[in-house]
Amino acid sequence: MPRVTVHHLTAPACLPLIEEFGLRTRADLSGLLGPLEDLDRAAPGTYANGRRVSGWLSLDHGRTVVDTFGVGLVSWTVDPARTLAAPASARDGDLAAYWEQARPLSAWLGDSSVPDDLEVHQNVGVRAKHLRIHAPLCTDEHLGDHAPLIAAVADQDRLSAKALMHLALIASDGDLESADFLAACAFAWRDEPDDPSLSRELAETDPDRVAAAVLAENAALAPEAVARLRAALEETREMALQEGIDPGQAIFQRSGAILESLDRGR
């Protein structure tokens, strides 16, 4: 049986870590890497003790619980014979009974109908080659002032979007709950994967120049968001002048510092 795609929701703050490290440690559907929970303790064999990585077979079901688990969307493929799966609705009862219902995904797929809320669990980390990060499932309300800018740029001009990602990270100042940080995630990942050479192209083109141009072009479309990103750009230029470095390199340094602090915080 061919590999099957499953979907995972997580907090936006987890997405940069997933891109860098993959889902190689415990990741419940919430994406929280914290203490073991009752579901883990009840899990059988090698699925217990925090080794479980979980996703939904149906993205449509995942969309119904975004408010619970987060707007960050990740998918990967699994070998149906090497997983356990059970309906999420069974979590509402005895957790031991939930795991008693679990069968290999291949067995569920052989049935005449598959539960809409089927959860799929594997007991090994997700390998990078099977993993994809998608555009966050956020609304315009989540994105605030950034919404029209993302709508205009994120899918149409990936080079400019990557430059704005760095500025949005800087503007967020490490506030993982801010619209600026969520906007950075929306600029960073879209439903279609980027060309692997895009980051190198941005460095060679100069992110300072690219960002300045796209902000000027969209100033009237999203004035509040553009003002915050432009302020982050001007602050970075001042820092670069004081330290005697290239402004584009300063952008990478400041956004990189935000991501490093995120990594340390986990």
C-alpha atoms as a PDB file:
ATOM      1  CA  MET A   1       0.000   0.000   0.000  1.00  0.00           C
ATOM      2  CA  PRO A   2       1.452   3.443  -0.906  1.00  0.00           C
ATOM      3  CA  ARG A   3       2.316   6.049   1.702  1.00  0.00           C
ATOM      4  CA  VAL A   4      -0.554   8.224   2.925  1.00  0.00           C
ATOM      5  CA  THR A   5      -0.554  11.913   3.903  1.00  0.00           C
ATOM      6  CA  VAL A   6      -1.532  12.943   7.431  1.00  0.00           C
ATOM      7  CA  HIS A   7      -1.956  16.469   8.814  1.00  0.00           C
ATOM      8  CA  HIS A   8      -0.773  18.035  12.055  1.00  0.00           C
ATOM      9  CA  LEU A   9      -1.808  21.326  13.674  1.00  0.00           C
ATOM     10  CA  THR A  10       0.542  23.197  15.950  1.00  0.00           C
ATOM     11  CA  ALA A  11       1.257  26.624  17.391  1.00  0.00           C
ATOM     12  CA  PRO A  12       2.996  28.972  14.916  1.00  0.00           C
ATOM     13  CA  ALA A  13       5.962  29.199  17.289  1.00  0.00           C
ATOM     14  CA  CYS A  14       6.682  25.515  16.614  1.00  0.00           C
ATOM     15  CA  LEU A  15       6.964  25.930  12.851  1.00  0.00           C
ATOM     16  CA  PRO A  16      10.530  27.311  12.686  1.00  0.00           C
ATOM     17  CA  LEU A  17      11.681  24.491  14.952  1.00  0.00           C
ATOM     18  CA  ILE A  18       9.923  21.904  12.807  1.00  0.00           C
ATOM     19  CA  GLU A  19      11.605  23.308   9.705  1.00  0.00           C
ATOM     20  CA  GLU A  20      15.015  23.112  11.336  1.00  0.00           C
ATOM     21  CA  PHE A  21      14.750  19.866  13.274  1.00  0.00           C
ATOM     22  CA  GLY A  22      11.688  18.050  11.933  1.00  0.00           C
ATOM     23  CA  LEU A  23       9.202  16.291  14.191  1.00  0.00           C
ATOM     24  CA  ARG A  24      11.846  14.138  15.836  1.00  0.00           C
ATOM     25  CA  THR A  25      10.552  14.274  19.403  1.00  0.00           C
ATOM     26  CA  ARG A  26       7.182  13.829  21.060  1.00  0.00           C
ATOM     27  CA  ALA A  27       4.515  15.886  19.311  1.00  0.00           C
ATOM     28  CA  ASP A  28       0.911  15.513  20.319  1.00  0.00           C
ATOM     29  CA  LEU A  29      -1.743  17.024  18.056  1.00  0.00           C
ATOM     30  CA  SER A  30      -1.301  20.306  19.929  1.00  0.00           C
ATOM     31  CA  GLY A  31       2.390  20.397  19.047  1.00  0.00           C
ATOM     32  CA  LEU A  32       3.301  20.860  22.713  1.00  0.00           C
ATOM     33  CA  LEU A  33       6.513  19.153  23.719  1.00  0.00           C
ATOM     34  CA  GLY A  34       5.751  19.328  27.426  1.00  0.00           C
ATOM     35  CA  PRO A  35       5.079  16.737  30.159  1.00  0.00           C
ATOM     36  CA  LEU A  36       3.606  13.376  29.283  1.00  0.00           C
ATOM     37  CA  GLU A  37      -0.171  13.325  29.370  1.00  0.00           C
ATOM     38  CA  ASP A  38      -2.671  10.614  30.186  1.00  0.00           C
ATOM     39  CA  LEU A  39      -2.994   9.587  26.536  1.00  0.00           C
ATOM     40  CA  ASP A  40       0.738   8.874  26.424  1.00  0.00           C
ATOM     41  CA  ARG A  41       0.651   6.870  29.622  1.00  0.00           C
ATOM     42  CA  ALA A  42      -2.171   4.711  28.277  1.00  0.00           C
ATOM     43  CA  ALA A  43      -0.484   4.137  24.903  1.00  0.00           C
ATOM     44  CA  PRO A  44       0.725   0.616  24.116  1.00  0.00           C
ATOM     45  CA  GLY A  45       4.311  -0.556  23.774  1.00  0.00           C
ATOM     46  CA  THR A  46       6.639   1.759  21.900  1.00  0.00           C
ATOM     47  CA  TYR A  47       3.886   4.359  21.432  1.00  0.00           C
ATOM     48  CA  ALA A  48       4.042   5.165  25.141  1.00  0.00           C
ATOM     49  CA  ASN A  49       6.474   7.325  27.083  1.00  0.00           C
ATOM     50  CA  GLY A  50       6.361  10.273  24.711  1.00  0.00           C
ATOM     51  CA  ARG A  51       7.451   8.633  21.472  1.00  0.00           C
ATOM     52  CA  ARG A  52       4.167   9.222  19.669  1.00  0.00           C
ATOM     53  CA  VAL A  53       3.935  11.642  16.702  1.00  0.00           C
ATOM     54  CA  SER A  54       0.346  12.206  15.634  1.00  0.00           C
ATOM     55  CA  GLY A  55      -1.725  13.663  12.819  1.00  0.00           C
ATOM     56  CA  TRP A  56      -5.189  13.516  11.270  1.00  0.00           C
ATOM     57  CA  LEU A  57      -5.991  11.648   8.113  1.00  0.00           C
ATOM     58  CA  SER A  58      -8.502  14.356   7.149  1.00  0.00           C
ATOM     59  CA  LEU A  59      -7.426  17.984   6.838  1.00  0.00           C
ATOM     60  CA  ASP A  60     -11.114  18.919   6.802  1.00  0.00           C
ATOM     61  CA  HIS A  61     -11.400  17.538  10.332  1.00  0.00           C
ATOM     62  CA  GLY A  62      -8.243  19.395  11.342  1.00  0.00           C
ATOM     63  CA  ARG A  63      -9.760  22.662  10.176  1.00  0.00           C
ATOM     64  CA  THR A  64     -12.609  22.191  12.678  1.00  0.00           C
ATOM     65  CA  VAL A  65     -10.226  22.226  15.659  1.00  0.00           C
ATOM     66  CA  VAL A  66      -7.811  24.992  14.666  1.00  0.00           C
ATOM     67  CA  ASP A  67      -8.883  27.071  17.671  1.00  0.00           C
ATOM     68  CA  THR A  68      -7.875  24.227  19.975  1.00  0.00           C
ATOM     69  CA  PHE A  69      -4.567  23.112  18.493  1.00  0.00           C
ATOM     70  CA  GLY A  70      -3.184  26.109  16.577  1.00  0.00           C
ATOM     71  CA  VAL A  71      -3.066  27.499  13.045  1.00  0.00           C
ATOM     72  CA  GLY A  72       0.315  26.037  12.092  1.00  0.00           C
ATOM     73  CA  LEU A  73      -0.173  23.310   9.477  1.00  0.00           C
ATOM     74  CA  VAL A  74       2.289  20.483   8.836  1.00  0.00           C
ATOM     75  CA  SER A  75       1.848  17.336   6.763  1.00  0.00           C
ATOM     76  CA  TRP A  76       3.888  14.211   6.218  1.00  0.00           C
ATOM     77  CA  THR A  77       3.445  10.774   4.714  1.00  0.00           C
ATOM     78  CA  VAL A  78       3.234   7.507   6.628  1.00  0.00           C
ATOM     79  CA  ASP A  79       3.461   3.846   5.817  1.00  0.00           C
ATOM     80  CA  PRO A  80      -0.099   2.710   6.644  1.00  0.00           C
ATOM     81  CA  ALA A  81       1.122  -0.648   7.926  1.00  0.00           C
ATOM     82  CA  ARG A  82       3.508   0.959  10.420  1.00  0.00           C
ATOM     83  CA  THR A  83       1.062   3.211  12.276  1.00  0.00           C
ATOM     84  CA  LEU A  84      -1.793   3.006  14.750  1.00  0.00           C
ATOM     85  CA  ALA A  85      -5.023   4.903  14.139  1.00  0.00           C
ATOM     86  CA  ALA A  86      -8.214   5.511  16.119  1.00  0.00           C
ATOM     87  CA  PRO A  87     -11.134   7.994  15.962  1.00  0.00           C
ATOM     88  CA  ALA A  88     -10.555  11.211  17.909  1.00  0.00           C
ATOM     89  CA  SER A  89     -14.077  10.927  19.319  1.00  0.00           C
ATOM     90  CA  ALA A  90     -12.940   7.871  21.281  1.00  0.00           C
ATOM     91  CA  ARG A  91     -10.692  10.149  23.346  1.00  0.00           C
ATOM     92  CA  ASP A  92     -13.808  11.337  25.175  1.00  0.00           C
ATOM     93  CA  GLY A  93     -14.090   8.024  27.007  1.00  0.00           C
ATOM     94  CA  ASP A  94     -11.661   5.683  28.708  1.00  0.00           C
ATOM     95  CA  LEU A  95      -8.206   6.281  27.225  1.00  0.00           C
ATOM     96  CA  ALA A  96      -7.317   2.618  27.566  1.00  0.00           C
ATOM     97  CA  ALA A  97     -10.413   1.877  25.473  1.00  0.00           C
ATOM     98  CA  TYR A  98      -9.227   4.444  22.919  1.00  0.00           C
ATOM     99  CA  TRP A  99      -6.009   2.526  22.382  1.00  0.00           C
ATOM    100  CA  GLU A 100      -7.889  -0.776  22.330  1.00  0.00           C
ATOM    101  CA  GLN A 101      -9.749   0.546  19.258  1.00  0.00           C
ATOM    102  CA  ALA A 102      -6.468   1.467  17.551  1.00  0.00           C
ATOM    103  CA  ARG A 103      -5.535  -0.546  14.478  1.00  0.00           C
ATOM    104  CA  PRO A 104      -2.957  -0.055  11.745  1.00  0.00           C
ATOM    105  CA  LEU A 105      -4.038   2.661   9.327  1.00  0.00           C
ATOM    106  CA  SER A 106      -3.933   0.048   6.564  1.00  0.00           C
ATOM    107  CA  ALA A 107      -6.743  -1.839   8.334  1.00  0.00           C
ATOM    108  CA  TRP A 108      -8.918   1.277   8.550  1.00  0.00           C
ATOM    109  CA  LEU A 109      -8.324   2.066   4.892  1.00  0.00           C
ATOM    110  CA  GLY A 110      -9.487  -1.443   4.013  1.00  0.00           C
ATOM    111  CA  ASP A 111     -12.917  -0.764   5.563  1.00  0.00           C
ATOM    112  CA  SER A 112     -15.859   0.418   3.501  1.00  0.00           C
ATOM    113  CA  SER A 113     -15.820   3.764   5.342  1.00  0.00           C
ATOM    114  CA  VAL A 114     -13.188   5.613   7.362  1.00  0.00           C
ATOM    115  CA  PRO A 115     -14.039   7.867  10.355  1.00  0.00           C
ATOM    116  CA  ASP A 116     -13.755  11.552   9.498  1.00  0.00           C
ATOM    117  CA  ASP A 117     -11.817  12.215  12.699  1.00  0.00           C
ATOM    118  CA  LEU A 118      -9.282   9.409  12.412  1.00  0.00           C
ATOM    119  CA  GLU A 119      -6.037  10.138  14.276  1.00  0.00           C
ATOM    120  CA  VAL A 120      -2.870   8.493  13.019  1.00  0.00           C
ATOM    121  CA  HIS A 121       0.061   7.785  15.344  1.00  0.00           C
ATOM    122  CA  GLN A 122       3.580   6.687  14.592  1.00  0.00           C
ATOM    123  CA  ASN A 123       6.255   5.814  17.116  1.00  0.00           C
ATOM    124  CA  VAL A 124       9.279   7.257  15.326  1.00  0.00           C
ATOM    125  CA  GLY A 125      10.264  10.806  14.429  1.00  0.00           C
ATOM    126  CA  VAL A 126       9.165  12.199  11.073  1.00  0.00           C
ATOM    127  CA  ARG A 127      11.995  12.171   8.555  1.00  0.00           C
ATOM    128  CA  ALA A 128      12.613  15.485   6.820  1.00  0.00           C
ATOM    129  CA  LYS A 129      12.066  14.023   3.345  1.00  0.00           C
ATOM    130  CA  HIS A 130       8.474  13.129   4.298  1.00  0.00           C
ATOM    131  CA  LEU A 131       7.691  16.483   5.966  1.00  0.00           C
ATOM    132  CA  ARG A 132       6.091  19.679   4.618  1.00  0.00           C
ATOM    133  CA  ILE A 133       5.109  22.942   6.278  1.00  0.00           C
ATOM    134  CA  HIS A 134       2.122  24.699   4.709  1.00  0.00           C
ATOM    135  CA  ALA A 135       0.603  28.176   4.888  1.00  0.00           C
ATOM    136  CA  PRO A 136      -0.833  28.691   8.389  1.00  0.00           C
ATOM    137  CA  LEU A 137      -4.595  28.272   8.630  1.00  0.00           C
ATOM    138  CA  CYS A 138      -5.042  31.828   9.856  1.00  0.00           C
ATOM    139  CA  THR A 139      -7.791  34.307   9.100  1.00  0.00           C
ATOM    140  CA  ASP A 140      -7.530  37.995   8.288  1.00  0.00           C
ATOM    141  CA  GLU A 141      -8.522  38.603  11.911  1.00  0.00           C
ATOM    142  CA  HIS A 142      -5.480  36.629  13.085  1.00  0.00           C
ATOM    143  CA  LEU A 143      -3.186  38.580  10.772  1.00  0.00           C
ATOM    144  CA  GLY A 144      -4.573  42.015  11.603  1.00  0.00           C
ATOM    145  CA  ASP A 145      -2.999  44.878   9.665  1.00  0.00           C
ATOM    146  CA  HIS A 146      -0.781  42.437   7.770  1.00  0.00           C
ATOM    147  CA  ALA A 147      -3.701  40.658   6.051  1.00  0.00           C
ATOM    148  CA  PRO A 148      -3.840  42.779   2.848  1.00  0.00           C
ATOM    149  CA  LEU A 149      -0.051  42.770   2.533  1.00  0.00           C
ATOM    150  CA  ILE A 150       0.109  38.996   2.795  1.00  0.00           C
ATOM    151  CA  ALA A 151      -2.728  38.631   0.307  1.00  0.00           C
ATOM    152  CA  ALA A 152      -0.888  40.861  -2.169  1.00  0.00           C
ATOM    153  CA  VAL A 153       2.633  39.489  -1.774  1.00  0.00           C
ATOM    154  CA  ALA A 154       2.908  36.084  -0.111  1.00  0.00           C
ATOM    155  CA  ASP A 155       1.897  33.901  -3.064  1.00  0.00           C
ATOM    156  CA  GLN A 156       2.716  36.273  -5.920  1.00  0.00           C
ATOM    157  CA  ASP A 157       6.319  37.264  -5.084  1.00  0.00           C
ATOM    158  CA  ARG A 158       8.151  34.724  -2.956  1.00  0.00           C
ATOM    159  CA  LEU A 159      11.428  36.650  -2.948  1.00  0.00           C
ATOM    160  CA  SER A 160       9.747  39.751  -1.521  1.00  0.00           C
ATOM    161  CA  ALA A 161       7.724  37.612   0.886  1.00  0.00           C
ATOM    162  CA  LYS A 162      10.893  36.093   2.306  1.00  0.00           C
ATOM    163  CA  ALA A 163      12.364  39.564   2.823  1.00  0.00           C
ATOM    164  CA  LEU A 164       9.198  40.686   4.620  1.00  0.00           C
ATOM    165  CA  MET A 165       9.334  37.523   6.723  1.00  0.00           C
ATOM    166  CA  HIS A 166      12.640  38.702   8.191  1.00  0.00           C
ATOM    167  CA  LEU A 167      11.257  42.180   8.903  1.00  0.00           C
ATOM    168  CA  ALA A 168       8.103  40.765  10.507  1.00  0.00           C
ATOM    169  CA  LEU A 169      10.245  38.613  12.792  1.00  0.00           C
ATOM    170  CA  ILE A 170      12.206  41.702  13.798  1.00  0.00           C
ATOM    171  CA  ALA A 171       9.000  43.695  14.337  1.00  0.00           C
ATOM    172  CA  SER A 172       7.607  40.927  16.558  1.00  0.00           C
ATOM    173  CA  ASP A 173      10.550  41.347  18.962  1.00  0.00           C
ATOM    174  CA  GLY A 174      10.096  37.709  19.914  1.00  0.00           C
ATOM    175  CA  ASP A 175       6.414  38.031  20.913  1.00  0.00           C
ATOM    176  CA  LEU A 176       5.141  34.677  19.671  1.00  0.00           C
ATOM    177  CA  GLU A 177       1.510  35.700  20.178  1.00  0.00           C
ATOM    178  CA  SER A 178       1.759  38.838  18.073  1.00  0.00           C
ATOM    179  CA  ALA A 179       0.270  39.394  14.634  1.00  0.00           C
ATOM    180  CA  ASP A 180       3.790  40.284  13.484  1.00  0.00           C
ATOM    181  CA  PHE A 181       5.121  36.819  14.342  1.00  0.00           C
ATOM    182  CA  LEU A 182       2.128  35.119  12.723  1.00  0.00           C
ATOM    183  CA  ALA A 183       2.639  37.286   9.634  1.00  0.00           C
ATOM    184  CA  ALA A 184       6.255  36.142   9.505  1.00  0.00           C
ATOM    185  CA  CYS A 185       5.029  32.534   9.435  1.00  0.00           C
ATOM    186  CA  ALA A 186       2.503  33.362   6.720  1.00  0.00           C
ATOM    187  CA  PHE A 187       5.211  35.009   4.606  1.00  0.00           C
ATOM    188  CA  ALA A 188       7.599  32.109   5.234  1.00  0.00           C
ATOM    189  CA  TRP A 189       5.416  29.126   4.262  1.00  0.00           C
ATOM    190  CA  ARG A 190       2.817  28.714   1.561  1.00  0.00           C
ATOM    191  CA  ASP A 191       0.944  25.700   0.254  1.00  0.00           C
ATOM    192  CA  GLU A 192       3.451  25.239  -2.564  1.00  0.00           C
ATOM    193  CA  PRO A 193       7.038  24.623  -1.431  1.00  0.00           C
ATOM    194  CA  ASP A 194       9.667  27.224  -2.267  1.00  0.00           C
ATOM    195  CA  ASP A 195      12.552  26.618  -4.603  1.00  0.00           C
ATOM    196  CA  PRO A 196      15.507  25.516  -2.432  1.00  0.00           C
ATOM    197  CA  SER A 197      17.609  28.287  -3.963  1.00  0.00           C
ATOM    198  CA  LEU A 198      15.264  31.093  -2.838  1.00  0.00           C
ATOM    199  CA  SER A 199      17.125  31.968   0.383  1.00  0.00           C
ATOM    200  CA  ARG A 200      20.428  32.128  -1.478  1.00  0.00           C
ATOM    201  CA  GLU A 201      18.821  34.334  -4.119  1.00  0.00           C
ATOM    202  CA  LEU A 202      17.545  36.705  -1.436  1.00  0.00           C
ATOM    203  CA  ALA A 203      21.008  36.990   0.116  1.00  0.00           C
ATOM    204  CA  GLU A 204      22.557  37.682  -3.276  1.00  0.00           C
ATOM    205  CA  THR A 205      19.862  40.192  -4.266  1.00  0.00           C
ATOM    206  CA  ASP A 206      20.057  42.051  -0.896  1.00  0.00           C
ATOM    207  CA  PRO A 207      17.076  41.717   1.477  1.00  0.00           C
ATOM    208  CA  ASP A 208      17.322  45.408   2.451  1.00  0.00           C
ATOM    209  CA  ARG A 209      16.715  46.535  -1.130  1.00  0.00           C
ATOM    210  CA  VAL A 210      14.033  43.915  -1.792  1.00  0.00           C
ATOM    211  CA  ALA A 211      12.136  44.789   1.391  1.00  0.00           C
ATOM    212  CA  ALA A 212      12.313  48.525   0.789  1.00  0.00           C
ATOM    213  CA  ALA A 213      10.911  48.128  -2.721  1.00  0.00           C
ATOM    214  CA  VAL A 214       7.958  45.954  -1.745  1.00  0.00           C
ATOM    215  CA  LEU A 215       7.083  48.198   1.206  1.00  0.00           C
ATOM    216  CA  ALA A 216       7.069  51.242  -1.051  1.00  0.00           C
ATOM    217  CA  GLU A 217       4.878  49.439  -3.563  1.00  0.00           C
ATOM    218  CA  ASN A 218       2.291  48.432  -0.957  1.00  0.00           C
ATOM    219  CA  ALA A 219       2.347  51.433   1.372  1.00  0.00           C
ATOM    220  CA  ALA A 220      -1.211  52.465   0.553  1.00  0.00           C
ATOM    221  CA  LEU A 221      -2.553  48.908   0.678  1.00  0.00           C
ATOM    222  CA  ALA A 222      -1.549  48.163   4.285  1.00  0.00           C
ATOM    223  CA  PRO A 223      -0.339  51.429   5.838  1.00  0.00           C
ATOM    224  CA  GLU A 224      -0.197  50.276   9.470  1.00  0.00           C
ATOM    225  CA  ALA A 225       1.680  47.055   8.760  1.00  0.00           C
ATOM    226  CA  VAL A 226       3.992  48.758   6.296  1.00  0.00           C
ATOM    227  CA  ALA A 227       4.776  51.445   8.894  1.00  0.00           C
ATOM    228  CA  ARG A 228       5.805  48.810  11.470  1.00  0.00           C
ATOM    229  CA  LEU A 229       7.910  46.873   8.984  1.00  0.00           C
ATOM    230  CA  ARG A 230       9.491  50.056   7.695  1.00  0.00           C
ATOM    231  CA  ALA A 231      10.347  51.037  11.281  1.00  0.00           C
ATOM    232  CA  ALA A 232      12.020  47.658  11.744  1.00  0.00           C
ATOM    233  CA  LEU A 233      13.944  48.254   8.510  1.00  0.00           C
ATOM    234  CA  GLU A 234      15.117  51.716   9.559  1.00  0.00           C
ATOM    235  CA  GLU A 235      16.202  50.457  12.998  1.00  0.00           C
ATOM    236  CA  THR A 236      18.162  47.700  11.314  1.00  0.00           C
ATOM    237  CA  ARG A 237      19.840  50.149   8.956  1.00  0.00           C
ATOM    238  CA  GLU A 238      20.877  52.281  11.934  1.00  0.00           C
ATOM    239  CA  MET A 239      22.297  49.216  13.671  1.00  0.00           C
ATOM    240  CA  ALA A 240      24.192  48.267  10.524  1.00  0.00           C
ATOM    241  CA  LEU A 241      25.650  51.771  10.262  1.00  0.00           C
ATOM    242  CA  GLN A 242      26.772  51.727  13.891  1.00  0.00           C
ATOM    243  CA  GLU A 243      28.351  48.288  13.566  1.00  0.00           C
ATOM    244  CA  GLY A 244      29.817  48.877  10.140  1.00  0.00           C
ATOM    245  CA  ILE A 245      28.078  45.967   8.452  1.00  0.00           C
ATOM    246  CA  ASP A 246      25.902  45.584   5.376  1.00  0.00           C
ATOM    247  CA  PRO A 247      22.209  46.406   6.054  1.00  0.00           C
ATOM    248  CA  GLY A 248      21.084  43.190   4.396  1.00  0.00           C
ATOM    249  CA  GLN A 249      23.368  41.171   6.635  1.00  0.00           C
ATOM    250  CA  ALA A 250      22.008  43.070   9.637  1.00  0.00           C
ATOM    251  CA  ILE A 251      18.486  41.980   8.705  1.00  0.00           C
ATOM    252  CA  PHE A 252      19.573  38.345   8.722  1.00  0.00           C
ATOM    253  CA  GLN A 253      21.353  38.821  12.049  1.00  0.00           C
ATOM    254  CA  ARG A 254      18.379  40.407  13.806  1.00  0.00           C
ATOM    255  CA  SER A 255      15.821  37.906  12.543  1.00  0.00           C
ATOM    256  CA  GLY A 256      18.219  35.066  13.290  1.00  0.00           C
ATOM    257  CA  ALA A 257      18.508  36.269  16.884  1.00  0.00           C
ATOM    258  CA  ILE A 258      14.729  36.003  17.255  1.00  0.00           C
ATOM    259  CA  LEU A 259      14.797  32.414  16.017  1.00  0.00           C
ATOM    260  CA  GLU A 260      17.714  31.531  18.280  1.00  0.00           C
ATOM    261  CA  SER A 261      15.829  32.860  21.297  1.00  0.00           C
ATOM    262  CA  LEU A 262      12.838  30.765  20.246  1.00  0.00           C
ATOM    263  CA  ASP A 263      15.029  27.679  20.103  1.00  0.00           C
ATOM    264  CA  ARG A 264      16.478  28.382  23.561  1.00  0.00           C
ATOM    265  CA  GLY A 265      12.991  28.952  24.946  1.00  0.00           C
ATOM    266  CA  ARG A 266      11.876  25.450  23.958  1.00  0.00           C
END
